[in-house]
Amino acid sequence: MSTEPQDVAPVTTVPAGSPKDNKKAGRVKTASSQGRWASMLVAPTIIVLTIVIVYPVISAVLASFQKDSGLDPATGLFVAGGFAGFSNYKHWLLQQCTAPGGGTVSCPPGTLGSQFWSSMSTTFFFTVVTVILETAIGFGFAVIMARAFRGRSLLRASVLVPWAIPTAVTAKLFVFMFAFQGIINSVFGTSILWTGSAGPARWAIIIADVWKTTPFIALLILAGLQGISGDLYEAAKIDGASSWQRFTKITLPLVKPALGVAVIFRCLDVLRMYDLPKILTGGANGTNTLSIEVVDQLNSGINSASALSTITFVFIFAIAFLLVRLFHANLTAGARR
């Protein structure tokens, strides 16, 4: 019986994984591990922000739809609070107050309910005027501080001193300066009662705020100027560009990002201004801001104050959203050009 060798198929050993696949799997595992660590590190911050910011905002919004407990003007009896709907918002936006016999009437002049739009216009006035002045003066300071000269460090430190002083201290300082027999009237030989009427009182707050916060804008613009290469100015000089052309064609376009950040931060800061006008004028004579209005309303009713704070929050959020969109659009268009 003859036996012939049978053909046996060769056995091929397949590797468990190629080096390329192993490297890819390692990267995926590393990225997943880093993602877990990042989530664990960020989680405490998110929890704290939720407790400190999100929860109070939601509580204020819910409270704004509740009535304030107090005495009923019609009966003289104590009435507990309940669901109020949009009556608190009507109180502020439509200037409606509760009539003695029930129902709603227009808020009498001088009451808290009648001062909302006045406070809104005052806050908007302070925002526009102070930000324009601070941006113009701060830009000039930044251009000077960006130059190389003897004593530049001393000048930078001197310019930043007002920003380092607490706002309450600045307000108290200007209380003495704007007094009837204070430094301002003595130096200029005037007899102006700065806190006695709307015009001088508003300009006293503007002057104090400009002195206090102009260094902040100057510092941000200076940071933007430091990032502009000197070769651009040298090339522009060789091409025959004047100082004004170098400023408008090089300095201003390249410093726009820093300038946009400075303007946005200052606008949001002025929109919530409280301590400077509160200490300097007490909010009297056309200097009552939205923040002062909210704090004053807390003494009358927390639910009505919650409605006012919600309106203020929406107003400031809308302004911030518009500013971010505006400066982002300008910067994007400039980059494309």
C-alpha atoms as a PDB file:
ATOM      1  CA  MET A   1       0.000   0.000   0.000  1.00  0.00           C
ATOM      2  CA  SER A   2       1.620   3.142  -1.218  1.00  0.00           C
ATOM      3  CA  THR A   3       1.209   6.366   0.562  1.00  0.00           C
ATOM      4  CA  GLU A   4       1.663   9.677  -1.147  1.00  0.00           C
ATOM      5  CA  PRO A   5       2.378  12.853   0.694  1.00  0.00           C
ATOM      6  CA  GLN A   6      -0.758  14.985   1.101  1.00  0.00           C
ATOM      7  CA  ASP A   7      -0.752  18.680   0.451  1.00  0.00           C
ATOM      8  CA  VAL A   8      -1.061  20.566   3.689  1.00  0.00           C
ATOM      9  CA  ALA A   9      -2.108  24.218   3.612  1.00  0.00           C
ATOM     10  CA  PRO A  10       0.484  26.485   5.153  1.00  0.00           C
ATOM     11  CA  VAL A  11      -0.449  27.955   8.506  1.00  0.00           C
ATOM     12  CA  THR A  12      -0.154  31.763   8.630  1.00  0.00           C
ATOM     13  CA  THR A  13       0.231  33.452  11.968  1.00  0.00           C
ATOM     14  CA  VAL A  14      -1.702  36.743  12.114  1.00  0.00           C
ATOM     15  CA  PRO A  15      -0.130  39.310  14.429  1.00  0.00           C
ATOM     16  CA  ALA A  16      -2.289  40.508  17.259  1.00  0.00           C
ATOM     17  CA  GLY A  17      -2.014  44.050  15.988  1.00  0.00           C
ATOM     18  CA  SER A  18       0.226  46.051  13.718  1.00  0.00           C
ATOM     19  CA  PRO A  19       2.419  48.764  15.215  1.00  0.00           C
ATOM     20  CA  LYS A  20       0.254  51.407  13.538  1.00  0.00           C
ATOM     21  CA  ASP A  21      -2.943  50.034  15.080  1.00  0.00           C
ATOM     22  CA  ASN A  22      -1.303  49.720  18.481  1.00  0.00           C
ATOM     23  CA  LYS A  23      -0.146  53.322  18.318  1.00  0.00           C
ATOM     24  CA  LYS A  24      -3.620  54.507  17.331  1.00  0.00           C
ATOM     25  CA  ALA A  25      -5.233  52.529  20.148  1.00  0.00           C
ATOM     26  CA  GLY A  26      -2.711  54.003  22.573  1.00  0.00           C
ATOM     27  CA  ARG A  27      -3.561  57.517  21.447  1.00  0.00           C
ATOM     28  CA  VAL A  28      -7.284  56.870  21.860  1.00  0.00           C
ATOM     29  CA  LYS A  29      -6.703  55.456  25.347  1.00  0.00           C
ATOM     30  CA  THR A  30      -4.516  58.428  26.295  1.00  0.00           C
ATOM     31  CA  ALA A  31      -7.083  60.917  24.978  1.00  0.00           C
ATOM     32  CA  SER A  32      -9.853  59.159  26.889  1.00  0.00           C
ATOM     33  CA  SER A  33      -7.785  59.202  30.074  1.00  0.00           C
ATOM     34  CA  GLN A  34      -6.989  62.901  29.623  1.00  0.00           C
ATOM     35  CA  GLY A  35     -10.677  63.615  29.005  1.00  0.00           C
ATOM     36  CA  ARG A  36     -11.633  61.943  32.264  1.00  0.00           C
ATOM     37  CA  TRP A  37      -8.968  63.855  34.169  1.00  0.00           C
ATOM     38  CA  ALA A  38     -10.077  67.132  32.558  1.00  0.00           C
ATOM     39  CA  SER A  39     -13.697  66.457  33.545  1.00  0.00           C
ATOM     40  CA  MET A  40     -12.671  65.669  37.116  1.00  0.00           C
ATOM     41  CA  LEU A  41     -10.606  68.880  37.352  1.00  0.00           C
ATOM     42  CA  VAL A  42     -13.277  71.115  35.809  1.00  0.00           C
ATOM     43  CA  ALA A  43     -16.202  69.573  37.716  1.00  0.00           C
ATOM     44  CA  PRO A  44     -15.547  71.406  41.049  1.00  0.00           C
ATOM     45  CA  THR A  45     -15.424  74.757  39.252  1.00  0.00           C
ATOM     46  CA  ILE A  46     -18.659  74.037  37.398  1.00  0.00           C
ATOM     47  CA  ILE A  47     -20.351  72.993  40.634  1.00  0.00           C
ATOM     48  CA  VAL A  48     -19.209  76.150  42.436  1.00  0.00           C
ATOM     49  CA  LEU A  49     -20.325  78.386  39.539  1.00  0.00           C
ATOM     50  CA  THR A  50     -23.679  76.628  39.474  1.00  0.00           C
ATOM     51  CA  ILE A  51     -24.181  77.240  43.191  1.00  0.00           C
ATOM     52  CA  VAL A  52     -22.887  80.814  43.169  1.00  0.00           C
ATOM     53  CA  ILE A  53     -24.307  82.081  39.848  1.00  0.00           C
ATOM     54  CA  VAL A  54     -26.896  79.814  38.245  1.00  0.00           C
ATOM     55  CA  TYR A  55     -28.932  79.043  41.363  1.00  0.00           C
ATOM     56  CA  PRO A  56     -29.277  82.701  42.493  1.00  0.00           C
ATOM     57  CA  VAL A  57     -30.270  83.774  38.974  1.00  0.00           C
ATOM     58  CA  ILE A  58     -32.975  81.105  38.747  1.00  0.00           C
ATOM     59  CA  SER A  59     -34.183  81.931  42.277  1.00  0.00           C
ATOM     60  CA  ALA A  60     -34.406  85.649  41.403  1.00  0.00           C
ATOM     61  CA  VAL A  61     -36.378  84.928  38.240  1.00  0.00           C
ATOM     62  CA  LEU A  62     -38.836  82.703  40.146  1.00  0.00           C
ATOM     63  CA  ALA A  63     -39.186  85.271  42.939  1.00  0.00           C
ATOM     64  CA  SER A  64     -39.937  88.011  40.403  1.00  0.00           C
ATOM     65  CA  PHE A  65     -43.287  86.337  39.673  1.00  0.00           C
ATOM     66  CA  GLN A  66     -44.331  86.432  43.335  1.00  0.00           C
ATOM     67  CA  LYS A  67     -46.096  89.185  45.263  1.00  0.00           C
ATOM     68  CA  ASP A  68     -44.405  90.933  48.149  1.00  0.00           C
ATOM     69  CA  SER A  69     -46.038  90.364  51.493  1.00  0.00           C
ATOM     70  CA  GLY A  70     -47.186  93.466  53.351  1.00  0.00           C
ATOM     71  CA  LEU A  71     -50.150  95.624  54.313  1.00  0.00           C
ATOM     72  CA  ASP A  72     -53.088  95.833  51.926  1.00  0.00           C
ATOM     73  CA  PRO A  73     -53.767  99.555  51.243  1.00  0.00           C
ATOM     74  CA  ALA A  74     -57.519  98.868  50.882  1.00  0.00           C
ATOM     75  CA  THR A  75     -58.068  96.931  54.124  1.00  0.00           C
ATOM     76  CA  GLY A  76     -54.991  97.712  56.193  1.00  0.00           C
ATOM     77  CA  LEU A  77     -54.496  94.015  56.882  1.00  0.00           C
ATOM     78  CA  PHE A  78     -51.310  92.022  56.396  1.00  0.00           C
ATOM     79  CA  VAL A  79     -51.425  90.025  53.164  1.00  0.00           C
ATOM     80  CA  ALA A  80     -49.057  87.173  52.403  1.00  0.00           C
ATOM     81  CA  GLY A  81     -47.394  86.990  49.041  1.00  0.00           C
ATOM     82  CA  GLY A  82     -48.579  84.804  46.202  1.00  0.00           C
ATOM     83  CA  PHE A  83     -48.314  84.395  42.466  1.00  0.00           C
ATOM     84  CA  ALA A  84     -48.177  87.828  40.837  1.00  0.00           C
ATOM     85  CA  GLY A  85     -47.711  86.990  37.174  1.00  0.00           C
ATOM     86  CA  PHE A  86     -46.109  89.878  35.298  1.00  0.00           C
ATOM     87  CA  SER A  87     -47.359  92.576  37.666  1.00  0.00           C
ATOM     88  CA  ASN A  88     -43.860  93.216  39.042  1.00  0.00           C
ATOM     89  CA  TYR A  89     -42.514  93.681  35.538  1.00  0.00           C
ATOM     90  CA  LYS A  90     -45.434  95.981  34.647  1.00  0.00           C
ATOM     91  CA  HIS A  91     -44.631  97.952  37.776  1.00  0.00           C
ATOM     92  CA  TRP A  92     -41.183  98.762  36.414  1.00  0.00           C
ATOM     93  CA  LEU A  93     -41.562  98.711  32.635  1.00  0.00           C
ATOM     94  CA  LEU A  94     -45.028 100.300  32.404  1.00  0.00           C
ATOM     95  CA  GLN A  95     -44.704 102.457  35.538  1.00  0.00           C
ATOM     96  CA  GLN A  96     -47.799 100.898  37.135  1.00  0.00           C
ATOM     97  CA  CYS A  97     -48.412 101.079  40.889  1.00  0.00           C
ATOM     98  CA  THR A  98     -51.198  99.646  43.064  1.00  0.00           C
ATOM     99  CA  ALA A  99     -54.068 102.046  43.659  1.00  0.00           C
ATOM    100  CA  PRO A 100     -55.398 102.527  47.234  1.00  0.00           C
ATOM    101  CA  GLY A 101     -58.772 101.072  46.286  1.00  0.00           C
ATOM    102  CA  GLY A 102     -57.323  98.244  44.194  1.00  0.00           C
ATOM    103  CA  GLY A 103     -56.274  98.091  40.579  1.00  0.00           C
ATOM    104  CA  THR A 104     -53.300  99.841  39.021  1.00  0.00           C
ATOM    105  CA  VAL A 105     -52.482 103.472  38.286  1.00  0.00           C
ATOM    106  CA  SER A 106     -49.459 105.343  36.992  1.00  0.00           C
ATOM    107  CA  CYS A 107     -46.747 105.581  39.626  1.00  0.00           C
ATOM    108  CA  PRO A 108     -46.544 109.043  41.256  1.00  0.00           C
ATOM    109  CA  PRO A 109     -43.402 111.065  40.465  1.00  0.00           C
ATOM    110  CA  GLY A 110     -40.574 110.408  42.872  1.00  0.00           C
ATOM    111  CA  THR A 111     -41.600 106.866  43.789  1.00  0.00           C
ATOM    112  CA  LEU A 112     -39.357 103.892  43.089  1.00  0.00           C
ATOM    113  CA  GLY A 113     -41.669 102.605  40.402  1.00  0.00           C
ATOM    114  CA  SER A 114     -41.502 105.846  38.440  1.00  0.00           C
ATOM    115  CA  GLN A 115     -37.708 106.027  38.471  1.00  0.00           C
ATOM    116  CA  PHE A 116     -36.864 102.980  36.367  1.00  0.00           C
ATOM    117  CA  TRP A 117     -36.575 104.628  32.960  1.00  0.00           C
ATOM    118  CA  SER A 118     -34.833 107.610  34.507  1.00  0.00           C
ATOM    119  CA  SER A 119     -32.249 105.294  36.057  1.00  0.00           C
ATOM    120  CA  MET A 120     -31.948 103.451  32.763  1.00  0.00           C
ATOM    121  CA  SER A 121     -31.206 106.654  30.840  1.00  0.00           C
ATOM    122  CA  THR A 122     -28.756 107.823  33.511  1.00  0.00           C
ATOM    123  CA  THR A 123     -26.871 104.517  33.392  1.00  0.00           C
ATOM    124  CA  PHE A 124     -26.762 104.613  29.595  1.00  0.00           C
ATOM    125  CA  PHE A 125     -25.521 108.239  29.681  1.00  0.00           C
ATOM    126  CA  PHE A 126     -22.713 107.373  32.084  1.00  0.00           C
ATOM    127  CA  THR A 127     -21.753 104.374  29.943  1.00  0.00           C
ATOM    128  CA  VAL A 128     -21.514 106.262  26.659  1.00  0.00           C
ATOM    129  CA  VAL A 129     -19.720 109.358  27.977  1.00  0.00           C
ATOM    130  CA  THR A 130     -17.235 107.663  30.300  1.00  0.00           C
ATOM    131  CA  VAL A 131     -16.259 104.906  27.857  1.00  0.00           C
ATOM    132  CA  ILE A 132     -15.648 107.416  25.043  1.00  0.00           C
ATOM    133  CA  LEU A 133     -13.506 109.659  27.256  1.00  0.00           C
ATOM    134  CA  GLU A 134     -11.608 106.770  28.833  1.00  0.00           C
ATOM    135  CA  THR A 135     -10.903 105.176  25.451  1.00  0.00           C
ATOM    136  CA  ALA A 136      -9.582 108.415  23.946  1.00  0.00           C
ATOM    137  CA  ILE A 137      -7.437 109.345  26.946  1.00  0.00           C
ATOM    138  CA  GLY A 138      -6.320 105.760  27.553  1.00  0.00           C
ATOM    139  CA  PHE A 139      -5.235 105.404  23.921  1.00  0.00           C
ATOM    140  CA  GLY A 140      -3.077 108.516  24.273  1.00  0.00           C
ATOM    141  CA  PHE A 141      -1.519 107.218  27.485  1.00  0.00           C
ATOM    142  CA  ALA A 142      -0.819 103.834  25.879  1.00  0.00           C
ATOM    143  CA  VAL A 143       0.887 105.394  22.847  1.00  0.00           C
ATOM    144  CA  ILE A 144       3.114 107.473  25.136  1.00  0.00           C
ATOM    145  CA  MET A 145       3.945 104.536  27.429  1.00  0.00           C
ATOM    146  CA  ALA A 146       4.810 102.321  24.448  1.00  0.00           C
ATOM    147  CA  ARG A 147       7.656 104.608  23.410  1.00  0.00           C
ATOM    148  CA  ALA A 148      11.196 104.135  24.669  1.00  0.00           C
ATOM    149  CA  PHE A 149      12.376 107.057  26.799  1.00  0.00           C
ATOM    150  CA  ARG A 150      14.059 107.676  30.110  1.00  0.00           C
ATOM    151  CA  GLY A 151      11.692 107.270  33.070  1.00  0.00           C
ATOM    152  CA  ARG A 152       9.165 105.151  31.170  1.00  0.00           C
ATOM    153  CA  SER A 153       8.827 102.653  34.031  1.00  0.00           C
ATOM    154  CA  LEU A 154       8.104 105.455  36.492  1.00  0.00           C
ATOM    155  CA  LEU A 155       5.447 106.870  34.162  1.00  0.00           C
ATOM    156  CA  ARG A 156       3.764 103.476  33.765  1.00  0.00           C
ATOM    157  CA  ALA A 157       3.662 102.960  37.515  1.00  0.00           C
ATOM    158  CA  SER A 158       2.250 106.458  38.070  1.00  0.00           C
ATOM    159  CA  VAL A 159      -0.486 106.001  35.485  1.00  0.00           C
ATOM    160  CA  LEU A 160      -1.615 102.712  37.051  1.00  0.00           C
ATOM    161  CA  VAL A 161      -1.887 104.118  40.597  1.00  0.00           C
ATOM    162  CA  PRO A 162      -5.535 105.331  40.241  1.00  0.00           C
ATOM    163  CA  TRP A 163      -6.619 101.882  39.059  1.00  0.00           C
ATOM    164  CA  ALA A 164      -5.055 100.301  42.152  1.00  0.00           C
ATOM    165  CA  ILE A 165      -7.036 102.521  44.538  1.00  0.00           C
ATOM    166  CA  PRO A 166     -10.361 100.986  45.714  1.00  0.00           C
ATOM    167  CA  THR A 167     -13.427 102.628  44.214  1.00  0.00           C
ATOM    168  CA  ALA A 168     -14.860 103.527  47.625  1.00  0.00           C
ATOM    169  CA  VAL A 169     -11.655 105.369  48.511  1.00  0.00           C
ATOM    170  CA  THR A 170     -11.709 107.172  45.152  1.00  0.00           C
ATOM    171  CA  ALA A 171     -15.325 108.239  45.699  1.00  0.00           C
ATOM    172  CA  LYS A 172     -14.556 109.572  49.173  1.00  0.00           C
ATOM    173  CA  LEU A 173     -11.520 111.425  47.805  1.00  0.00           C
ATOM    174  CA  PHE A 174     -13.641 113.196  45.201  1.00  0.00           C
ATOM    175  CA  VAL A 175     -16.284 114.023  47.826  1.00  0.00           C
ATOM    176  CA  PHE A 176     -13.713 116.318  49.439  1.00  0.00           C
ATOM    177  CA  MET A 177     -12.425 117.567  46.080  1.00  0.00           C
ATOM    178  CA  PHE A 178     -15.894 118.517  44.791  1.00  0.00           C
ATOM    179  CA  ALA A 179     -17.039 120.081  48.070  1.00  0.00           C
ATOM    180  CA  PHE A 180     -18.170 123.695  47.891  1.00  0.00           C
ATOM    181  CA  GLN A 181     -14.920 124.804  49.514  1.00  0.00           C
ATOM    182  CA  GLY A 182     -12.938 121.918  48.054  1.00  0.00           C
ATOM    183  CA  ILE A 183      -9.889 121.768  45.830  1.00  0.00           C
ATOM    184  CA  ILE A 184     -11.748 122.003  42.502  1.00  0.00           C
ATOM    185  CA  ASN A 185     -13.509 125.285  43.292  1.00  0.00           C
ATOM    186  CA  SER A 186     -10.391 126.685  44.954  1.00  0.00           C
ATOM    187  CA  VAL A 187      -8.094 125.931  42.011  1.00  0.00           C
ATOM    188  CA  PHE A 188     -10.453 127.179  39.285  1.00  0.00           C
ATOM    189  CA  GLY A 189     -11.912 130.043  41.315  1.00  0.00           C
ATOM    190  CA  THR A 190     -15.492 128.797  40.937  1.00  0.00           C
ATOM    191  CA  SER A 191     -18.419 128.546  43.331  1.00  0.00           C
ATOM    192  CA  ILE A 192     -20.173 125.452  41.955  1.00  0.00           C
ATOM    193  CA  LEU A 193     -22.214 123.208  44.207  1.00  0.00           C
ATOM    194  CA  TRP A 194     -21.168 120.067  42.368  1.00  0.00           C
ATOM    195  CA  THR A 195     -23.578 117.676  44.051  1.00  0.00           C
ATOM    196  CA  GLY A 196     -26.478 120.120  44.264  1.00  0.00           C
ATOM    197  CA  SER A 197     -27.911 119.830  40.736  1.00  0.00           C
ATOM    198  CA  ALA A 198     -28.099 117.242  37.960  1.00  0.00           C
ATOM    199  CA  GLY A 199     -25.546 118.673  35.525  1.00  0.00           C
ATOM    200  CA  PRO A 200     -22.586 119.243  37.897  1.00  0.00           C
ATOM    201  CA  ALA A 201     -23.360 116.046  39.839  1.00  0.00           C
ATOM    202  CA  ARG A 202     -23.244 113.911  36.702  1.00  0.00           C
ATOM    203  CA  TRP A 203     -20.011 115.468  35.510  1.00  0.00           C
ATOM    204  CA  ALA A 204     -18.465 115.012  38.950  1.00  0.00           C
ATOM    205  CA  ILE A 205     -19.155 111.271  38.684  1.00  0.00           C
ATOM    206  CA  ILE A 206     -17.846 111.166  35.113  1.00  0.00           C
ATOM    207  CA  ILE A 207     -14.615 112.949  36.075  1.00  0.00           C
ATOM    208  CA  ALA A 208     -14.070 110.640  39.048  1.00  0.00           C
ATOM    209  CA  ASP A 209     -14.764 107.505  36.983  1.00  0.00           C
ATOM    210  CA  VAL A 210     -12.500 108.630  34.125  1.00  0.00           C
ATOM    211  CA  TRP A 211      -9.675 109.341  36.559  1.00  0.00           C
ATOM    212  CA  LYS A 212     -10.168 105.971  38.224  1.00  0.00           C
ATOM    213  CA  THR A 213     -10.501 103.605  35.237  1.00  0.00           C
ATOM    214  CA  THR A 214      -8.645 105.218  32.330  1.00  0.00           C
ATOM    215  CA  PRO A 215      -5.443 103.347  33.375  1.00  0.00           C
ATOM    216  CA  PHE A 216      -7.287 100.048  32.873  1.00  0.00           C
ATOM    217  CA  ILE A 217      -7.995 100.817  29.210  1.00  0.00           C
ATOM    218  CA  ALA A 218      -4.487 102.218  28.778  1.00  0.00           C
ATOM    219  CA  LEU A 219      -2.990  98.981  30.114  1.00  0.00           C
ATOM    220  CA  LEU A 220      -4.993  96.782  27.729  1.00  0.00           C
ATOM    221  CA  ILE A 221      -4.205  98.970  24.723  1.00  0.00           C
ATOM    222  CA  LEU A 222      -0.534  99.045  25.733  1.00  0.00           C
ATOM    223  CA  ALA A 223      -0.509  95.238  25.659  1.00  0.00           C
ATOM    224  CA  GLY A 224      -1.862  95.389  22.109  1.00  0.00           C
ATOM    225  CA  LEU A 225       0.729  97.953  21.043  1.00  0.00           C
ATOM    226  CA  GLN A 226       3.550  95.799  22.411  1.00  0.00           C
ATOM    227  CA  GLY A 227       2.591  93.062  19.936  1.00  0.00           C
ATOM    228  CA  ILE A 228       3.049  95.266  16.845  1.00  0.00           C
ATOM    229  CA  SER A 229       6.398  94.709  15.160  1.00  0.00           C
ATOM    230  CA  GLY A 230       8.593  97.755  14.667  1.00  0.00           C
ATOM    231  CA  ASP A 231       9.508  96.533  11.187  1.00  0.00           C
ATOM    232  CA  LEU A 232       6.047  97.541   9.985  1.00  0.00           C
ATOM    233  CA  TYR A 233       6.648 101.146  10.985  1.00  0.00           C
ATOM    234  CA  GLU A 234      10.115 101.133   9.427  1.00  0.00           C
ATOM    235  CA  ALA A 235       8.739  99.816   6.155  1.00  0.00           C
ATOM    236  CA  ALA A 236       5.968 102.426   6.223  1.00  0.00           C
ATOM    237  CA  LYS A 237       8.522 105.202   6.785  1.00  0.00           C
ATOM    238  CA  ILE A 238      10.569 103.982   3.839  1.00  0.00           C
ATOM    239  CA  ASP A 239       7.433 104.060   1.694  1.00  0.00           C
ATOM    240  CA  GLY A 240       6.870 107.670   2.714  1.00  0.00           C
ATOM    241  CA  ALA A 241       3.893 107.189   5.043  1.00  0.00           C
ATOM    242  CA  SER A 242       3.169 110.089   7.383  1.00  0.00           C
ATOM    243  CA  SER A 243       2.624 109.727  11.139  1.00  0.00           C
ATOM    244  CA  TRP A 244      -1.144 109.901  10.694  1.00  0.00           C
ATOM    245  CA  GLN A 245      -1.056 107.260   7.947  1.00  0.00           C
ATOM    246  CA  ARG A 246       1.052 104.962  10.117  1.00  0.00           C
ATOM    247  CA  PHE A 247      -1.433 105.414  12.939  1.00  0.00           C
ATOM    248  CA  THR A 248      -4.565 104.769  10.857  1.00  0.00           C
ATOM    249  CA  LYS A 249      -3.135 102.016   8.636  1.00  0.00           C
ATOM    250  CA  ILE A 250      -0.935 100.120  11.120  1.00  0.00           C
ATOM    251  CA  THR A 251      -1.540 101.020  14.764  1.00  0.00           C
ATOM    252  CA  LEU A 252      -5.315 101.299  14.801  1.00  0.00           C
ATOM    253  CA  PRO A 253      -6.136  98.119  12.805  1.00  0.00           C
ATOM    254  CA  LEU A 254      -3.656  95.936  14.698  1.00  0.00           C
ATOM    255  CA  VAL A 255      -4.683  97.197  18.134  1.00  0.00           C
ATOM    256  CA  LYS A 256      -8.409  96.637  17.501  1.00  0.00           C
ATOM    257  CA  PRO A 257      -8.578  93.277  19.355  1.00  0.00           C
ATOM    258  CA  ALA A 258      -7.173  94.765  22.559  1.00  0.00           C
ATOM    259  CA  LEU A 259      -9.282  97.894  22.098  1.00  0.00           C
ATOM    260  CA  GLY A 260     -12.425  95.794  21.661  1.00  0.00           C
ATOM    261  CA  VAL A 261     -11.768  93.864  24.870  1.00  0.00           C
ATOM    262  CA  ALA A 262     -11.162  97.113  26.766  1.00  0.00           C
ATOM    263  CA  VAL A 263     -14.378  98.731  25.524  1.00  0.00           C
ATOM    264  CA  ILE A 264     -16.490  95.645  26.271  1.00  0.00           C
ATOM    265  CA  PHE A 265     -15.123  95.301  29.813  1.00  0.00           C
ATOM    266  CA  ARG A 266     -15.605  98.990  30.569  1.00  0.00           C
ATOM    267  CA  CYS A 267     -19.147  99.072  29.182  1.00  0.00           C
ATOM    268  CA  LEU A 268     -20.154  96.154  31.376  1.00  0.00           C
ATOM    269  CA  ASP A 269     -18.435  97.749  34.358  1.00  0.00           C
ATOM    270  CA  VAL A 270     -20.233 101.097  33.970  1.00  0.00           C
ATOM    271  CA  LEU A 271     -23.611  99.439  33.377  1.00  0.00           C
ATOM    272  CA  ARG A 272     -23.433  97.995  36.892  1.00  0.00           C
ATOM    273  CA  MET A 273     -21.953 101.138  38.504  1.00  0.00           C
ATOM    274  CA  TYR A 274     -23.029 101.480  42.127  1.00  0.00           C
ATOM    275  CA  ASP A 275     -20.450 102.515  44.699  1.00  0.00           C
ATOM    276  CA  LEU A 276     -19.067 105.651  42.986  1.00  0.00           C
ATOM    277  CA  PRO A 277     -22.396 107.540  42.550  1.00  0.00           C
ATOM    278  CA  LYS A 278     -23.779 106.114  45.808  1.00  0.00           C
ATOM    279  CA  ILE A 279     -20.910 107.560  47.864  1.00  0.00           C
ATOM    280  CA  LEU A 280     -20.345 110.719  45.838  1.00  0.00           C
ATOM    281  CA  THR A 281     -23.947 111.926  45.406  1.00  0.00           C
ATOM    282  CA  GLY A 282     -26.134 109.314  47.091  1.00  0.00           C
ATOM    283  CA  GLY A 283     -27.877 108.752  43.767  1.00  0.00           C
ATOM    284  CA  ALA A 284     -29.570 112.158  43.968  1.00  0.00           C
ATOM    285  CA  ASN A 285     -29.874 114.869  41.305  1.00  0.00           C
ATOM    286  CA  GLY A 286     -30.052 112.656  38.228  1.00  0.00           C
ATOM    287  CA  THR A 287     -27.270 110.242  39.244  1.00  0.00           C
ATOM    288  CA  ASN A 288     -29.417 107.252  40.241  1.00  0.00           C
ATOM    289  CA  THR A 289     -28.204 104.155  38.358  1.00  0.00           C
ATOM    290  CA  LEU A 290     -29.911 100.800  37.870  1.00  0.00           C
ATOM    291  CA  SER A 291     -27.765  99.152  40.547  1.00  0.00           C
ATOM    292  CA  ILE A 292     -28.710 101.820  43.085  1.00  0.00           C
ATOM    293  CA  GLU A 293     -32.351 101.368  42.108  1.00  0.00           C
ATOM    294  CA  VAL A 294     -32.174  97.620  42.747  1.00  0.00           C
ATOM    295  CA  VAL A 295     -30.569  98.043  46.182  1.00  0.00           C
ATOM    296  CA  ASP A 296     -33.092 100.726  47.181  1.00  0.00           C
ATOM    297  CA  GLN A 297     -35.972  98.489  46.121  1.00  0.00           C
ATOM    298  CA  LEU A 298     -34.748  95.708  48.431  1.00  0.00           C
ATOM    299  CA  ASN A 299     -35.980  97.805  51.348  1.00  0.00           C
ATOM    300  CA  SER A 300     -39.513  97.851  49.896  1.00  0.00           C
ATOM    301  CA  GLY A 301     -39.917  94.322  48.564  1.00  0.00           C
ATOM    302  CA  ILE A 302     -37.534  91.580  47.594  1.00  0.00           C
ATOM    303  CA  ASN A 303     -39.790  90.104  44.913  1.00  0.00           C
ATOM    304  CA  SER A 304     -40.221  93.419  43.151  1.00  0.00           C
ATOM    305  CA  ALA A 305     -36.462  93.935  43.463  1.00  0.00           C
ATOM    306  CA  SER A 306     -35.961  90.497  41.884  1.00  0.00           C
ATOM    307  CA  ALA A 307     -38.011  91.608  38.883  1.00  0.00           C
ATOM    308  CA  LEU A 308     -35.922  94.769  38.575  1.00  0.00           C
ATOM    309  CA  SER A 309     -32.672  92.826  38.888  1.00  0.00           C
ATOM    310  CA  THR A 310     -33.875  90.402  36.200  1.00  0.00           C
ATOM    311  CA  ILE A 311     -34.637  93.312  33.873  1.00  0.00           C
ATOM    312  CA  THR A 312     -31.202  94.771  34.603  1.00  0.00           C
ATOM    313  CA  PHE A 313     -29.565  91.401  33.930  1.00  0.00           C
ATOM    314  CA  VAL A 314     -31.348  91.052  30.569  1.00  0.00           C
ATOM    315  CA  PHE A 315     -30.447  94.629  29.643  1.00  0.00           C
ATOM    316  CA  ILE A 316     -26.741  94.179  30.430  1.00  0.00           C
ATOM    317  CA  PHE A 317     -26.671  90.766  28.722  1.00  0.00           C
ATOM    318  CA  ALA A 318     -28.207  92.256  25.553  1.00  0.00           C
ATOM    319  CA  ILE A 319     -25.642  95.088  25.502  1.00  0.00           C
ATOM    320  CA  ALA A 320     -22.779  92.618  26.022  1.00  0.00           C
ATOM    321  CA  PHE A 321     -24.113  90.361  23.255  1.00  0.00           C
ATOM    322  CA  LEU A 322     -24.362  93.273  20.808  1.00  0.00           C
ATOM    323  CA  LEU A 323     -20.866  94.525  21.653  1.00  0.00           C
ATOM    324  CA  VAL A 324     -19.314  91.087  21.219  1.00  0.00           C
ATOM    325  CA  ARG A 325     -21.067  90.609  17.880  1.00  0.00           C
ATOM    326  CA  LEU A 326     -20.095  94.109  16.751  1.00  0.00           C
ATOM    327  CA  PHE A 327     -16.406  93.851  17.586  1.00  0.00           C
ATOM    328  CA  HIS A 328     -16.204  90.261  16.330  1.00  0.00           C
ATOM    329  CA  ALA A 329     -17.712  91.297  13.001  1.00  0.00           C
ATOM    330  CA  ASN A 330     -15.337  94.245  12.672  1.00  0.00           C
ATOM    331  CA  LEU A 331     -12.296  92.132  13.520  1.00  0.00           C
ATOM    332  CA  THR A 332     -13.337  89.345  11.151  1.00  0.00           C
ATOM    333  CA  ALA A 333     -13.918  91.781   8.320  1.00  0.00           C
ATOM    334  CA  GLY A 334     -10.557  93.425   8.994  1.00  0.00           C
ATOM    335  CA  ALA A 335      -8.815  90.040   8.945  1.00  0.00           C
ATOM    336  CA  ARG A 336     -10.413  89.169   5.578  1.00  0.00           C
ATOM    337  CA  ARG A 337      -9.320  92.468   4.101  1.00  0.00           C
END
